[in-house]
Amino acid sequence: MLDKGYILFAEDDESLAIMVKDTLEDEGYRILHCSDGQTAIDAFDKLKFDLCLLDIMMPKKDGYAVAKKIRQQSDVIPILFLSTKSQEEDKLKGYDSGADDYLSKPFSMPELLKKIEVFLRRTKKLAADSSEKFTLGSILFMPAELKIQTATDNFRITQKEADLLKFLCIHKNKVVKRDEVLINVWGKDDFFLGRSMDVFMTKIRKYLSADASVILETIHGIGFRFTVPLQKQ
């Protein structure tokens, strides 16, 4: 049988858990279902997963706490939240805790399947591109290693920060629109994701502040310009 990947699925709603688990298994995924957050944390400590699918409101530990624990061990593994909590502050808290994406209940199974497929394909591509490096003035950015190296510091960054910075590197020295960044890095143009993107941009500016010639500029009402000095031949 085709094995598309191993998914950690934490959800305390039994009927929903059965439906999602059966559907994903029919699509070729292996699923470990946990009915509370602490069990999910314990499972992640012991086993190797390709993706984490987390409810937020769960017994013992909520999804935010589970995501934070996972991020302490891995910056690479994709984390998707499924939740009835759909207010702006809930979504922003989800992204801040380490989530890569957020689906509000009730959600579409085809959309969930597509998101899982996209994130796993991206993870595999990053593994294949492990030797890729970008020189940004005096700064070295290694996407696959989730590392930014300056003259004085080495920064470990998250997968989403690496995806965002890589997109900017590919489109350096030109203006990119906000919706282009959101669609290419987050998969859709959404107000809540836009707020989260601004937080990520601030973090990236901090990492790059070691070289004043590398400038990440906000073009109000349009998007961003990532200016990088040309390399000497």
C-alpha atoms as a PDB file:
ATOM      1  CA  MET A   1       0.000   0.000   0.000  1.00  0.00           C
ATOM      2  CA  LEU A   2       1.196   3.517  -0.820  1.00  0.00           C
ATOM      3  CA  ASP A   3       2.735   5.302   2.198  1.00  0.00           C
ATOM      4  CA  LYS A   4       2.481   9.074   1.748  1.00  0.00           C
ATOM      5  CA  GLY A   5       3.688   9.905   5.255  1.00  0.00           C
ATOM      6  CA  TYR A   6       3.126   9.469   8.994  1.00  0.00           C
ATOM      7  CA  ILE A   7       0.795  12.032  10.614  1.00  0.00           C
ATOM      8  CA  LEU A   8       0.345  12.804  14.308  1.00  0.00           C
ATOM      9  CA  PHE A   9      -3.353  13.655  14.708  1.00  0.00           C
ATOM     10  CA  ALA A  10      -4.542  15.114  18.035  1.00  0.00           C
ATOM     11  CA  GLU A  11      -8.325  15.546  18.326  1.00  0.00           C
ATOM     12  CA  ASP A  12     -10.676  14.868  21.255  1.00  0.00           C
ATOM     13  CA  ASP A  13     -13.911  14.841  19.216  1.00  0.00           C
ATOM     14  CA  GLU A  14     -14.266  11.096  18.624  1.00  0.00           C
ATOM     15  CA  SER A  15     -16.659  11.226  15.655  1.00  0.00           C
ATOM     16  CA  LEU A  16     -14.579  13.848  13.833  1.00  0.00           C
ATOM     17  CA  ALA A  17     -11.368  11.971  14.630  1.00  0.00           C
ATOM     18  CA  ILE A  18     -12.735   8.748  13.122  1.00  0.00           C
ATOM     19  CA  MET A  19     -13.904  10.542   9.971  1.00  0.00           C
ATOM     20  CA  VAL A  20     -10.606  12.375   9.420  1.00  0.00           C
ATOM     21  CA  LYS A  21      -8.464   9.342  10.271  1.00  0.00           C
ATOM     22  CA  ASP A  22     -10.401   7.042   7.928  1.00  0.00           C
ATOM     23  CA  THR A  23     -10.245   9.570   5.086  1.00  0.00           C
ATOM     24  CA  LEU A  24      -6.507  10.170   5.459  1.00  0.00           C
ATOM     25  CA  GLU A  25      -5.779   6.450   5.682  1.00  0.00           C
ATOM     26  CA  ASP A  26      -7.831   5.875   2.514  1.00  0.00           C
ATOM     27  CA  GLU A  27      -5.560   8.458   0.839  1.00  0.00           C
ATOM     28  CA  GLY A  28      -2.428   6.514   1.799  1.00  0.00           C
ATOM     29  CA  TYR A  29      -1.310   8.231   5.020  1.00  0.00           C
ATOM     30  CA  ARG A  30      -0.434   6.463   8.269  1.00  0.00           C
ATOM     31  CA  ILE A  31      -2.176   8.105  11.225  1.00  0.00           C
ATOM     32  CA  LEU A  32      -1.514   8.040  14.953  1.00  0.00           C
ATOM     33  CA  HIS A  33      -4.548   9.490  16.695  1.00  0.00           C
ATOM     34  CA  CYS A  34      -4.296  10.969  20.216  1.00  0.00           C
ATOM     35  CA  SER A  35      -7.359  12.150  22.131  1.00  0.00           C
ATOM     36  CA  ASP A  36      -5.549  14.629  24.388  1.00  0.00           C
ATOM     37  CA  GLY A  37      -2.587  16.988  24.159  1.00  0.00           C
ATOM     38  CA  GLN A  38      -0.294  15.261  26.631  1.00  0.00           C
ATOM     39  CA  THR A  39      -0.589  11.941  24.791  1.00  0.00           C
ATOM     40  CA  ALA A  40       0.325  13.765  21.571  1.00  0.00           C
ATOM     41  CA  ILE A  41       3.436  15.264  23.199  1.00  0.00           C
ATOM     42  CA  ASP A  42       4.477  11.855  24.528  1.00  0.00           C
ATOM     43  CA  ALA A  43       4.000  10.300  21.078  1.00  0.00           C
ATOM     44  CA  PHE A  44       6.076  13.001  19.375  1.00  0.00           C
ATOM     45  CA  ASP A  45       8.888  12.384  21.877  1.00  0.00           C
ATOM     46  CA  LYS A  46       9.056   8.709  20.897  1.00  0.00           C
ATOM     47  CA  LEU A  47       8.204   8.533  17.201  1.00  0.00           C
ATOM     48  CA  LYS A  48       9.156  10.254  13.941  1.00  0.00           C
ATOM     49  CA  PHE A  49       6.316  11.983  12.106  1.00  0.00           C
ATOM     50  CA  ASP A  50       6.112  13.846   8.798  1.00  0.00           C
ATOM     51  CA  LEU A  51       3.320  16.251   9.798  1.00  0.00           C
ATOM     52  CA  CYS A  52       1.255  17.218  12.869  1.00  0.00           C
ATOM     53  CA  LEU A  53      -2.487  17.890  12.743  1.00  0.00           C
ATOM     54  CA  LEU A  54      -3.672  19.465  16.003  1.00  0.00           C
ATOM     55  CA  ASP A  55      -6.988  20.464  17.529  1.00  0.00           C
ATOM     56  CA  ILE A  56      -6.700  23.434  19.918  1.00  0.00           C
ATOM     57  CA  MET A  57      -9.251  22.732  22.657  1.00  0.00           C
ATOM     58  CA  MET A  58      -8.165  19.373  24.132  1.00  0.00           C
ATOM     59  CA  PRO A  59      -7.900  17.808  27.604  1.00  0.00           C
ATOM     60  CA  LYS A  60      -4.628  17.923  29.593  1.00  0.00           C
ATOM     61  CA  LYS A  61      -2.721  20.105  27.109  1.00  0.00           C
ATOM     62  CA  ASP A  62      -4.227  22.375  24.474  1.00  0.00           C
ATOM     63  CA  GLY A  63      -3.002  22.577  20.889  1.00  0.00           C
ATOM     64  CA  TYR A  64      -0.972  25.724  21.537  1.00  0.00           C
ATOM     65  CA  ALA A  65       1.046  23.936  24.235  1.00  0.00           C
ATOM     66  CA  VAL A  66       1.525  20.881  22.017  1.00  0.00           C
ATOM     67  CA  ALA A  67       2.763  23.019  19.120  1.00  0.00           C
ATOM     68  CA  LYS A  68       5.240  24.849  21.353  1.00  0.00           C
ATOM     69  CA  LYS A  69       6.649  21.544  22.640  1.00  0.00           C
ATOM     70  CA  ILE A  70       6.972  20.229  19.086  1.00  0.00           C
ATOM     71  CA  ARG A  71       8.736  23.414  17.964  1.00  0.00           C
ATOM     72  CA  GLN A  72      11.280  22.996  20.781  1.00  0.00           C
ATOM     73  CA  GLN A  73      12.345  19.758  19.086  1.00  0.00           C
ATOM     74  CA  SER A  74      11.788  20.538  15.406  1.00  0.00           C
ATOM     75  CA  ASP A  75      11.605  23.706  13.337  1.00  0.00           C
ATOM     76  CA  VAL A  76      10.956  21.679  10.196  1.00  0.00           C
ATOM     77  CA  ILE A  77       7.900  19.486  10.709  1.00  0.00           C
ATOM     78  CA  PRO A  78       4.696  21.114   9.410  1.00  0.00           C
ATOM     79  CA  ILE A  79       2.002  21.867  12.022  1.00  0.00           C
ATOM     80  CA  LEU A  80      -1.630  22.445  10.981  1.00  0.00           C
ATOM     81  CA  PHE A  81      -4.297  23.567  13.443  1.00  0.00           C
ATOM     82  CA  LEU A  82      -7.940  22.491  13.216  1.00  0.00           C
ATOM     83  CA  SER A  83     -10.212  24.497  15.505  1.00  0.00           C
ATOM     84  CA  THR A  84     -13.626  25.995  16.171  1.00  0.00           C
ATOM     85  CA  LYS A  85     -11.727  29.010  17.569  1.00  0.00           C
ATOM     86  CA  SER A  86     -11.714  31.310  14.554  1.00  0.00           C
ATOM     87  CA  GLN A  87     -11.269  34.810  15.965  1.00  0.00           C
ATOM     88  CA  GLU A  88      -8.297  36.878  14.835  1.00  0.00           C
ATOM     89  CA  GLU A  89      -6.519  36.586  18.188  1.00  0.00           C
ATOM     90  CA  ASP A  90      -6.932  32.784  18.134  1.00  0.00           C
ATOM     91  CA  LYS A  91      -5.348  32.498  14.702  1.00  0.00           C
ATOM     92  CA  LEU A  92      -2.482  34.844  15.557  1.00  0.00           C
ATOM     93  CA  LYS A  93      -1.843  32.892  18.767  1.00  0.00           C
ATOM     94  CA  GLY A  94      -1.771  29.720  16.673  1.00  0.00           C
ATOM     95  CA  TYR A  95       0.854  31.093  14.313  1.00  0.00           C
ATOM     96  CA  ASP A  96       2.882  32.457  17.220  1.00  0.00           C
ATOM     97  CA  SER A  97       2.908  29.029  18.874  1.00  0.00           C
ATOM     98  CA  GLY A  98       4.511  27.514  15.770  1.00  0.00           C
ATOM     99  CA  ALA A  99       1.676  26.578  13.412  1.00  0.00           C
ATOM    100  CA  ASP A 100       2.224  26.709   9.653  1.00  0.00           C
ATOM    101  CA  ASP A 101      -1.471  26.899   8.821  1.00  0.00           C
ATOM    102  CA  TYR A 102      -4.898  27.099  10.462  1.00  0.00           C
ATOM    103  CA  LEU A 103      -8.214  25.579   9.342  1.00  0.00           C
ATOM    104  CA  SER A 104     -11.437  26.620  11.061  1.00  0.00           C
ATOM    105  CA  LYS A 105     -14.071  23.976  11.810  1.00  0.00           C
ATOM    106  CA  PRO A 106     -16.150  22.945   9.992  1.00  0.00           C
ATOM    107  CA  PHE A 107     -13.560  22.527   7.256  1.00  0.00           C
ATOM    108  CA  SER A 108     -13.467  20.939   3.823  1.00  0.00           C
ATOM    109  CA  MET A 109     -11.722  17.553   3.637  1.00  0.00           C
ATOM    110  CA  PRO A 110     -10.479  18.243   0.078  1.00  0.00           C
ATOM    111  CA  GLU A 111      -8.904  21.485   1.350  1.00  0.00           C
ATOM    112  CA  LEU A 112      -7.268  19.655   4.272  1.00  0.00           C
ATOM    113  CA  LEU A 113      -5.918  16.961   1.945  1.00  0.00           C
ATOM    114  CA  LYS A 114      -4.508  19.591  -0.414  1.00  0.00           C
ATOM    115  CA  LYS A 115      -2.806  21.466   2.424  1.00  0.00           C
ATOM    116  CA  ILE A 116      -1.228  18.259   3.750  1.00  0.00           C
ATOM    117  CA  GLU A 117      -0.006  17.411   0.248  1.00  0.00           C
ATOM    118  CA  VAL A 118       1.492  20.900  -0.231  1.00  0.00           C
ATOM    119  CA  PHE A 119       3.316  20.912   3.112  1.00  0.00           C
ATOM    120  CA  LEU A 120       4.754  17.414   2.666  1.00  0.00           C
ATOM    121  CA  ARG A 121       5.883  18.236  -0.880  1.00  0.00           C
ATOM    122  CA  ARG A 122       7.597  21.388   0.422  1.00  0.00           C
ATOM    123  CA  THR A 123       9.357  19.424   3.167  1.00  0.00           C
ATOM    124  CA  LYS A 124      10.655  16.875   0.656  1.00  0.00           C
ATOM    125  CA  LYS A 125      11.840  19.645  -1.666  1.00  0.00           C
ATOM    126  CA  LEU A 126      13.731  21.313   1.188  1.00  0.00           C
ATOM    127  CA  ALA A 127      15.480  18.037   1.894  1.00  0.00           C
ATOM    128  CA  ALA A 128      16.448  17.779  -1.784  1.00  0.00           C
ATOM    129  CA  ASP A 129      17.702  21.375  -1.767  1.00  0.00           C
ATOM    130  CA  SER A 130      19.867  20.835   1.319  1.00  0.00           C
ATOM    131  CA  SER A 131      22.990  22.311  -0.320  1.00  0.00           C
ATOM    132  CA  GLU A 132      21.287  25.557  -1.356  1.00  0.00           C
ATOM    133  CA  LYS A 133      22.756  28.745   0.143  1.00  0.00           C
ATOM    134  CA  PHE A 134      22.185  32.481  -0.315  1.00  0.00           C
ATOM    135  CA  THR A 135      24.852  35.148   0.245  1.00  0.00           C
ATOM    136  CA  LEU A 136      23.258  38.373   1.462  1.00  0.00           C
ATOM    137  CA  GLY A 137      26.072  40.891   1.779  1.00  0.00           C
ATOM    138  CA  SER A 138      28.132  39.540   4.694  1.00  0.00           C
ATOM    139  CA  ILE A 139      25.289  37.237   5.784  1.00  0.00           C
ATOM    140  CA  LEU A 140      24.919  33.564   4.792  1.00  0.00           C
ATOM    141  CA  PHE A 141      21.425  32.050   4.670  1.00  0.00           C
ATOM    142  CA  MET A 142      21.070  28.235   4.551  1.00  0.00           C
ATOM    143  CA  PRO A 143      17.365  27.390   4.050  1.00  0.00           C
ATOM    144  CA  ALA A 144      17.574  23.616   4.500  1.00  0.00           C
ATOM    145  CA  GLU A 145      19.560  23.997   7.720  1.00  0.00           C
ATOM    146  CA  LEU A 146      17.190  26.724   8.983  1.00  0.00           C
ATOM    147  CA  LYS A 147      20.207  28.861   9.742  1.00  0.00           C
ATOM    148  CA  ILE A 148      21.316  32.476   9.236  1.00  0.00           C
ATOM    149  CA  GLN A 149      25.002  33.117   9.815  1.00  0.00           C
ATOM    150  CA  THR A 150      26.387  36.616  10.396  1.00  0.00           C
ATOM    151  CA  ALA A 151      29.882  37.790  11.321  1.00  0.00           C
ATOM    152  CA  THR A 152      29.008  37.601  15.016  1.00  0.00           C
ATOM    153  CA  ASP A 153      25.974  35.298  15.387  1.00  0.00           C
ATOM    154  CA  ASN A 154      24.319  32.102  14.198  1.00  0.00           C
ATOM    155  CA  PHE A 155      20.507  32.192  14.231  1.00  0.00           C
ATOM    156  CA  ARG A 156      18.260  29.130  14.168  1.00  0.00           C
ATOM    157  CA  ILE A 157      15.040  30.084  12.414  1.00  0.00           C
ATOM    158  CA  THR A 158      11.673  28.417  11.912  1.00  0.00           C
ATOM    159  CA  GLN A 159      10.533  26.684   8.737  1.00  0.00           C
ATOM    160  CA  LYS A 160       8.093  29.488   7.932  1.00  0.00           C
ATOM    161  CA  GLU A 161      10.808  32.144   8.420  1.00  0.00           C
ATOM    162  CA  ALA A 162      13.043  30.162   6.056  1.00  0.00           C
ATOM    163  CA  ASP A 163      10.275  29.837   3.453  1.00  0.00           C
ATOM    164  CA  LEU A 164       9.596  33.564   3.615  1.00  0.00           C
ATOM    165  CA  LEU A 165      13.244  34.624   3.429  1.00  0.00           C
ATOM    166  CA  LYS A 166      13.897  32.213   0.553  1.00  0.00           C
ATOM    167  CA  PHE A 167      11.011  33.743  -1.415  1.00  0.00           C
ATOM    168  CA  LEU A 168      12.465  37.207  -0.798  1.00  0.00           C
ATOM    169  CA  CYS A 169      15.935  36.013  -1.884  1.00  0.00           C
ATOM    170  CA  ILE A 170      14.552  34.621  -5.129  1.00  0.00           C
ATOM    171  CA  HIS A 171      12.873  37.988  -5.792  1.00  0.00           C
ATOM    172  CA  LYS A 172      15.611  40.225  -4.406  1.00  0.00           C
ATOM    173  CA  ASN A 173      16.081  43.808  -5.615  1.00  0.00           C
ATOM    174  CA  LYS A 174      12.530  44.088  -6.897  1.00  0.00           C
ATOM    175  CA  VAL A 175       9.141  44.970  -5.432  1.00  0.00           C
ATOM    176  CA  VAL A 176       6.883  42.035  -4.544  1.00  0.00           C
ATOM    177  CA  LYS A 177       3.198  42.539  -3.713  1.00  0.00           C
ATOM    178  CA  ARG A 178       1.759  41.490  -0.344  1.00  0.00           C
ATOM    179  CA  ASP A 179      -0.684  39.075  -1.956  1.00  0.00           C
ATOM    180  CA  GLU A 180       2.148  37.448  -3.946  1.00  0.00           C
ATOM    181  CA  VAL A 181       4.063  36.732  -0.752  1.00  0.00           C
ATOM    182  CA  LEU A 182       0.997  35.379   1.046  1.00  0.00           C
ATOM    183  CA  ILE A 183      -0.057  33.098  -1.805  1.00  0.00           C
ATOM    184  CA  ASN A 184       3.440  31.732  -2.438  1.00  0.00           C
ATOM    185  CA  VAL A 185       4.526  31.281   1.200  1.00  0.00           C
ATOM    186  CA  TRP A 186       1.234  30.683   3.065  1.00  0.00           C
ATOM    187  CA  GLY A 187      -0.881  29.328   0.234  1.00  0.00           C
ATOM    188  CA  LYS A 188      -3.582  31.996   0.298  1.00  0.00           C
ATOM    189  CA  ASP A 189      -4.205  35.745   0.667  1.00  0.00           C
ATOM    190  CA  ASP A 190      -5.942  36.183   4.010  1.00  0.00           C
ATOM    191  CA  PHE A 191      -6.236  39.113   6.451  1.00  0.00           C
ATOM    192  CA  PHE A 192      -5.189  37.062   9.478  1.00  0.00           C
ATOM    193  CA  LEU A 193      -2.225  35.581   7.611  1.00  0.00           C
ATOM    194  CA  GLY A 194      -1.258  39.092   6.550  1.00  0.00           C
ATOM    195  CA  ARG A 195      -1.024  40.143  10.192  1.00  0.00           C
ATOM    196  CA  SER A 196       1.116  37.104  10.914  1.00  0.00           C
ATOM    197  CA  MET A 197       3.328  37.824   7.879  1.00  0.00           C
ATOM    198  CA  ASP A 198       4.113  41.298   9.237  1.00  0.00           C
ATOM    199  CA  VAL A 199       5.342  39.687  12.468  1.00  0.00           C
ATOM    200  CA  PHE A 200       7.598  37.355  10.464  1.00  0.00           C
ATOM    201  CA  MET A 201       8.954  40.285   8.431  1.00  0.00           C
ATOM    202  CA  THR A 202       9.918  42.056  11.664  1.00  0.00           C
ATOM    203  CA  LYS A 203      11.779  38.940  12.858  1.00  0.00           C
ATOM    204  CA  ILE A 204      13.655  38.644   9.563  1.00  0.00           C
ATOM    205  CA  ARG A 205      14.712  42.313   9.706  1.00  0.00           C
ATOM    206  CA  LYS A 206      16.191  41.623  13.140  1.00  0.00           C
ATOM    207  CA  TYR A 207      18.214  38.679  11.827  1.00  0.00           C
ATOM    208  CA  LEU A 208      19.543  40.741   8.905  1.00  0.00           C
ATOM    209  CA  SER A 209      20.355  43.880  10.907  1.00  0.00           C
ATOM    210  CA  ALA A 210      24.012  42.803  11.167  1.00  0.00           C
ATOM    211  CA  ASP A 211      24.574  44.112   7.617  1.00  0.00           C
ATOM    212  CA  ALA A 212      23.217  47.610   6.925  1.00  0.00           C
ATOM    213  CA  SER A 213      23.476  47.072   3.160  1.00  0.00           C
ATOM    214  CA  VAL A 214      20.792  44.344   3.322  1.00  0.00           C
ATOM    215  CA  ILE A 215      17.431  46.128   3.510  1.00  0.00           C
ATOM    216  CA  LEU A 216      13.938  44.685   3.811  1.00  0.00           C
ATOM    217  CA  GLU A 217      11.690  47.630   3.028  1.00  0.00           C
ATOM    218  CA  THR A 218       7.911  47.878   3.340  1.00  0.00           C
ATOM    219  CA  ILE A 219       6.338  49.673   0.372  1.00  0.00           C
ATOM    220  CA  HIS A 220       3.106  50.926   1.942  1.00  0.00           C
ATOM    221  CA  GLY A 221      -0.025  49.854   0.119  1.00  0.00           C
ATOM    222  CA  ILE A 222       1.946  47.633  -2.260  1.00  0.00           C
ATOM    223  CA  GLY A 223       4.324  45.150  -0.646  1.00  0.00           C
ATOM    224  CA  PHE A 224       8.043  44.782  -0.007  1.00  0.00           C
ATOM    225  CA  ARG A 225      11.451  45.347  -1.572  1.00  0.00           C
ATOM    226  CA  PHE A 226      14.377  43.157  -0.464  1.00  0.00           C
ATOM    227  CA  THR A 227      17.582  44.956  -1.409  1.00  0.00           C
ATOM    228  CA  VAL A 228      20.799  42.908  -1.439  1.00  0.00           C
ATOM    229  CA  PRO A 229      24.181  44.232  -2.662  1.00  0.00           C
ATOM    230  CA  LEU A 230      25.573  42.594  -5.779  1.00  0.00           C
ATOM    231  CA  GLN A 231      28.306  40.044  -5.150  1.00  0.00           C
ATOM    232  CA  LYS A 232      31.781  40.970  -6.286  1.00  0.00           C
ATOM    233  CA  GLN A 233      33.057  38.841  -9.130  1.00  0.00           C
END
